[in-house]
Amino acid sequence: MTEATRSCGDCGQSVPSEVRFCGRCGAAAAAAPAPPQEDRPPAGRQLATPVPRAGAGVPRRQLLTGIGGLVVGLSTAGWWGRRRQQELDERGLPTADLDLGEADELSEQAARDPVLYPAEGTAQLAVLRWEPSYESSRGDPLERYGPGGEDHPVLSDTVGLMVVALPSPHCGCLVGWCATSRWFEGPCHGSRFNRWGEWTGGPVPRGLDRYHSRIERDGHLVVSLTRPIVGVHREGYLLEQSPEGPSCVDA
């Protein structure tokens, strides 16, 4: 007697009727009998598209698991998938870590202005420098941003690196770096952030959200996009920085 089977609704794998989940991808098997072999979608079809779209062909449970509860990761993940197509997992989602390059080189590049990623097109991330030894009456930057170098790595007493997400915590509108004011500025509702990504004005409830980052043994800065850090509350800023020139966006 031929064993009754069902098909996985995600990858098309044929599974015994009494089995609830697919052994290949872990998705729930479809309730209906498997269609004839010639009509069945080829296994792994969703991986043929190099740039996965969040929510397209991916069950909600798998999507939430794959992006680990990213705060702003949907847009970042789409960009990341375009840059690093060779590092997609079996579901077509980006893997967790992104290598941004040599930490020392990034530190030099970010000495004046943050380094934006991607460099061409619409930036989703920014690598910026912060000062662990900065003296603030509002708190200790080293305690806030660099406990053990596990949140944001510390290169020296005066140099630390931080990776911030550029979608505004207020409405998701991408903020830009203004080279004249040396602030991040939001074009949608006039939100402002200092060069550490902390709130300086506007309706946004907090500073720019950030990601855990680290320096690997090869000296590269690696950011974990599945480990977001909620931005500092608007009244919790440490860097007291006035605009250094004209604004790029009308308030």
Protein backbone atom coordinates (compact mmCIF):
# COMPACT_ATOMS: atom_id res chain seq x y z
CA MET A 1 0.00 0.00 0.00
CA THR A 2 1.28 3.38 -0.92
CA GLU A 3 1.84 5.55 2.16
CA ALA A 4 -0.36 8.65 2.24
CA THR A 5 1.65 11.82 2.04
CA ARG A 6 1.20 15.55 2.33
CA SER A 7 3.37 18.31 0.88
CA CYS A 8 5.21 21.08 2.70
CA GLY A 9 3.57 24.37 1.77
CA ASP A 10 6.92 26.13 1.94
CA CYS A 11 9.46 23.98 0.08
CA GLY A 12 7.27 21.31 -1.57
CA GLN A 13 8.94 18.40 0.24
CA SER A 14 6.69 15.32 0.44
CA VAL A 15 6.14 14.18 4.05
CA PRO A 16 4.08 11.31 5.57
CA SER A 17 0.50 12.30 6.38
CA GLU A 18 0.96 11.71 10.12
CA VAL A 19 3.95 14.09 10.29
CA ARG A 20 2.98 17.67 11.19
CA PHE A 21 6.17 19.48 10.26
CA CYS A 22 8.51 19.25 7.31
CA GLY A 23 11.85 17.59 8.03
CA ARG A 24 13.60 19.80 5.47
CA CYS A 25 12.60 23.34 6.44
CA GLY A 26 10.55 22.93 9.63
CA ALA A 27 7.37 24.46 8.21
CA ALA A 28 3.94 22.97 8.85
CA ALA A 29 2.93 20.48 6.16
CA ALA A 30 -0.07 21.37 4.03
CA ALA A 31 -3.39 19.78 5.00
CA ALA A 32 -4.31 18.87 1.41
CA PRO A 33 -2.83 15.79 -0.35
CA ALA A 34 0.29 16.42 -2.38
CA PRO A 35 -0.33 17.41 -6.02
CA PRO A 36 1.16 15.30 -8.83
CA GLN A 37 4.92 15.55 -9.08
CA GLU A 38 4.84 17.51 -12.34
CA ASP A 39 2.67 20.22 -10.72
CA ARG A 40 4.64 20.49 -7.49
CA PRO A 41 6.85 23.60 -7.14
CA PRO A 42 10.53 22.65 -7.15
CA ALA A 43 12.15 22.41 -3.72
CA GLY A 44 13.93 25.57 -2.68
CA ARG A 45 12.11 27.80 -5.17
CA GLN A 46 12.14 30.80 -2.81
CA LEU A 47 15.96 30.75 -2.75
CA ALA A 48 16.19 31.36 -6.50
CA THR A 49 15.35 35.03 -5.96
CA PRO A 50 18.59 36.77 -4.89
CA VAL A 51 16.83 39.58 -2.98
CA PRO A 52 14.22 38.24 -0.54
CA ARG A 53 11.28 40.52 0.20
CA ALA A 54 10.10 40.50 3.79
CA GLY A 55 6.74 38.79 4.01
CA ALA A 56 6.76 37.42 0.42
CA GLY A 57 6.61 33.61 0.40
CA VAL A 58 7.90 33.35 3.98
CA PRO A 59 5.54 32.29 6.81
CA ARG A 60 5.18 34.93 9.50
CA ARG A 61 6.56 32.61 12.18
CA GLN A 62 9.71 31.94 10.14
CA LEU A 63 10.11 35.61 9.23
CA LEU A 64 10.04 36.73 12.87
CA THR A 65 12.46 33.97 13.82
CA GLY A 66 14.81 34.78 10.95
CA ILE A 67 15.18 38.47 11.71
CA GLY A 68 15.24 38.00 15.47
CA GLY A 69 12.87 40.84 16.27
CA LEU A 70 14.79 43.54 14.41
CA VAL A 71 13.52 47.00 15.20
CA VAL A 72 14.32 48.42 11.81
CA GLY A 73 15.77 45.34 10.18
CA LEU A 74 13.24 44.89 7.41
CA SER A 75 14.66 47.66 5.26
CA THR A 76 18.23 46.95 6.33
CA ALA A 77 17.85 43.25 5.59
CA GLY A 78 16.66 43.99 2.07
CA TRP A 79 19.70 46.16 1.42
CA TRP A 80 21.99 43.60 3.04
CA GLY A 81 20.60 40.82 0.89
CA ARG A 82 21.50 42.84 -2.21
CA ARG A 83 25.07 43.42 -1.00
CA ARG A 84 25.79 39.92 0.32
CA GLN A 85 23.72 37.52 -1.77
CA GLN A 86 26.11 34.65 -1.04
CA GLU A 87 25.27 34.72 2.67
CA LEU A 88 21.57 33.91 2.68
CA ASP A 89 20.31 31.11 4.89
CA GLU A 90 18.19 28.18 3.69
CA ARG A 91 15.04 30.33 3.80
CA GLY A 92 16.56 33.10 1.70
CA LEU A 93 16.96 35.48 4.66
CA PRO A 94 20.20 37.34 5.49
CA THR A 95 22.44 35.81 8.10
CA ALA A 96 23.08 37.68 11.33
CA ASP A 97 26.45 39.45 11.01
CA LEU A 98 27.77 42.03 8.58
CA ASP A 99 31.48 42.75 8.14
CA LEU A 100 31.91 46.51 7.66
CA GLY A 101 35.67 46.48 7.08
CA GLU A 102 38.88 47.36 8.93
CA ALA A 103 38.08 49.04 12.24
CA ASP A 104 41.17 51.28 12.13
CA GLU A 105 40.31 52.48 8.63
CA LEU A 106 36.72 53.12 9.62
CA SER A 107 37.93 55.08 12.63
CA GLU A 108 40.02 57.32 10.40
CA GLN A 109 37.19 57.78 7.90
CA ALA A 110 34.72 58.63 10.67
CA ALA A 111 37.02 61.16 12.36
CA ARG A 112 35.06 64.02 10.80
CA ASP A 113 31.84 62.55 9.36
CA PRO A 114 30.14 59.19 9.91
CA VAL A 115 30.68 56.43 7.36
CA LEU A 116 27.38 55.63 5.65
CA TYR A 117 26.29 52.18 4.38
CA PRO A 118 25.71 51.60 1.60
CA ALA A 119 28.03 54.32 0.33
CA GLU A 120 25.98 54.58 -2.88
CA GLY A 121 22.23 54.91 -2.86
CA THR A 122 20.08 55.27 0.23
CA ALA A 123 22.10 54.74 3.40
CA GLN A 124 20.55 52.49 6.06
CA LEU A 125 23.42 52.39 8.59
CA ALA A 126 26.13 54.74 9.81
CA VAL A 127 29.41 54.00 11.57
CA LEU A 128 30.30 56.91 13.85
CA ARG A 129 32.99 57.74 16.38
CA TRP A 130 32.31 58.47 20.01
CA GLU A 131 34.72 59.45 22.77
CA PRO A 132 34.92 57.06 25.78
CA SER A 133 36.79 59.70 27.82
CA TYR A 134 34.41 62.56 26.99
CA GLU A 135 33.60 64.45 30.19
CA SER A 136 29.88 65.04 30.50
CA SER A 137 27.95 66.32 33.47
CA ARG A 138 25.13 64.04 32.36
CA GLY A 139 26.93 60.71 32.73
CA ASP A 140 29.86 58.52 31.70
CA PRO A 141 30.01 57.64 27.97
CA LEU A 142 32.11 54.55 28.66
CA GLU A 143 29.48 53.15 31.00
CA ARG A 144 26.68 54.10 28.63
CA TYR A 145 28.06 52.89 25.33
CA GLY A 146 31.00 50.57 25.85
CA PRO A 147 30.61 48.05 28.67
CA GLY A 148 33.40 45.61 27.91
CA GLY A 149 33.34 46.59 24.25
CA GLU A 150 30.34 44.31 23.75
CA ASP A 151 27.86 47.04 22.84
CA HIS A 152 30.12 49.39 20.90
CA PRO A 153 33.86 48.65 20.67
CA VAL A 154 36.48 50.88 22.24
CA LEU A 155 39.71 51.32 20.27
CA SER A 156 41.44 53.69 22.71
CA ASP A 157 40.72 56.14 25.52
CA THR A 158 39.51 58.68 22.99
CA VAL A 159 38.08 56.55 20.17
CA GLY A 160 35.09 54.24 20.09
CA LEU A 161 32.98 53.04 17.18
CA MET A 162 29.21 52.76 17.04
CA VAL A 163 26.76 51.54 14.38
CA VAL A 164 23.41 53.33 14.26
CA ALA A 165 20.28 52.67 12.22
CA LEU A 166 19.18 55.61 10.10
CA PRO A 167 15.39 55.07 10.04
CA SER A 168 13.96 57.58 12.48
CA PRO A 169 12.49 56.04 15.68
CA HIS A 170 9.58 58.46 15.25
CA CYS A 171 8.16 57.46 11.88
CA GLY A 172 10.77 55.34 10.07
CA CYS A 173 11.72 58.16 7.71
CA LEU A 174 15.43 57.91 6.88
CA VAL A 175 17.53 60.63 8.46
CA GLY A 176 20.59 62.06 6.72
CA TRP A 177 23.94 63.37 7.83
CA CYS A 178 24.35 67.13 7.44
CA ALA A 179 28.03 67.97 6.91
CA THR A 180 27.51 71.63 7.84
CA SER A 181 25.60 71.29 11.11
CA ARG A 182 27.33 67.96 11.85
CA TRP A 183 24.02 66.58 13.03
CA PHE A 184 21.78 63.83 11.71
CA GLU A 185 18.63 65.52 10.43
CA GLY A 186 15.21 64.07 9.59
CA PRO A 187 13.47 65.49 6.50
CA CYS A 188 9.95 64.37 7.50
CA HIS A 189 9.26 65.96 10.89
CA GLY A 190 12.38 67.95 11.70
CA SER A 191 13.97 65.53 14.17
CA ARG A 192 17.61 66.18 14.98
CA PHE A 193 20.38 64.00 16.44
CA ASN A 194 23.94 64.89 17.42
CA ARG A 195 26.99 63.17 15.95
CA TRP A 196 26.58 60.33 18.46
CA GLY A 197 23.02 59.76 17.28
CA GLU A 198 21.48 61.24 20.44
CA TRP A 199 18.33 63.37 20.34
CA THR A 200 18.77 67.13 20.05
CA GLY A 201 15.35 68.25 18.82
CA GLY A 202 12.06 67.38 17.16
CA PRO A 203 9.18 65.03 18.00
CA VAL A 204 11.20 61.82 18.01
CA PRO A 205 10.97 60.05 21.42
CA ARG A 206 14.58 58.86 21.57
CA GLY A 207 17.94 58.85 19.86
CA LEU A 208 18.78 56.70 16.85
CA ASP A 209 18.53 52.98 17.44
CA ARG A 210 21.82 51.11 17.42
CA TYR A 211 23.26 47.63 16.95
CA HIS A 212 25.72 45.56 18.94
CA SER A 213 29.08 45.52 17.19
CA ARG A 214 32.50 44.05 17.86
CA ILE A 215 36.03 43.88 16.47
CA GLU A 216 37.13 40.46 15.29
CA ARG A 217 40.65 39.03 15.55
CA ASP A 218 41.38 40.16 12.01
CA GLY A 219 40.65 43.76 13.05
CA HIS A 220 37.35 44.04 11.19
CA LEU A 221 34.29 45.73 12.63
CA VAL A 222 31.33 43.34 12.59
CA VAL A 223 27.77 44.46 13.36
CA SER A 224 25.02 42.08 14.48
CA LEU A 225 21.82 43.18 12.78
CA THR A 226 19.82 40.71 14.85
CA ARG A 227 20.94 42.40 18.10
CA PRO A 228 19.34 45.85 18.07
CA ILE A 229 19.74 48.36 20.91
CA VAL A 230 16.92 50.82 21.53
CA GLY A 231 18.09 54.43 21.27
CA VAL A 232 18.67 56.54 24.37
CA HIS A 233 15.65 58.45 25.67
CA ARG A 234 15.54 62.03 24.40
CA GLU A 235 16.47 63.48 27.81
CA GLY A 236 19.31 61.00 28.34
CA TYR A 237 21.81 62.46 25.89
CA LEU A 238 25.46 62.83 27.01
CA LEU A 239 27.11 64.79 24.20
CA GLU A 240 26.26 68.47 24.48
CA GLN A 241 26.89 69.48 20.88
CA SER A 242 25.49 72.61 19.28
CA PRO A 243 25.08 72.72 15.50
CA GLU A 244 28.39 73.67 13.92
CA GLY A 245 26.90 75.29 10.84
CA PRO A 246 23.70 75.77 8.84
CA SER A 247 21.08 73.05 8.86
CA CYS A 248 20.52 70.98 5.73
CA VAL A 249 16.78 70.52 6.37
CA ASP A 250 14.28 73.25 7.18
CA ALA A 251 12.92 72.82 10.70
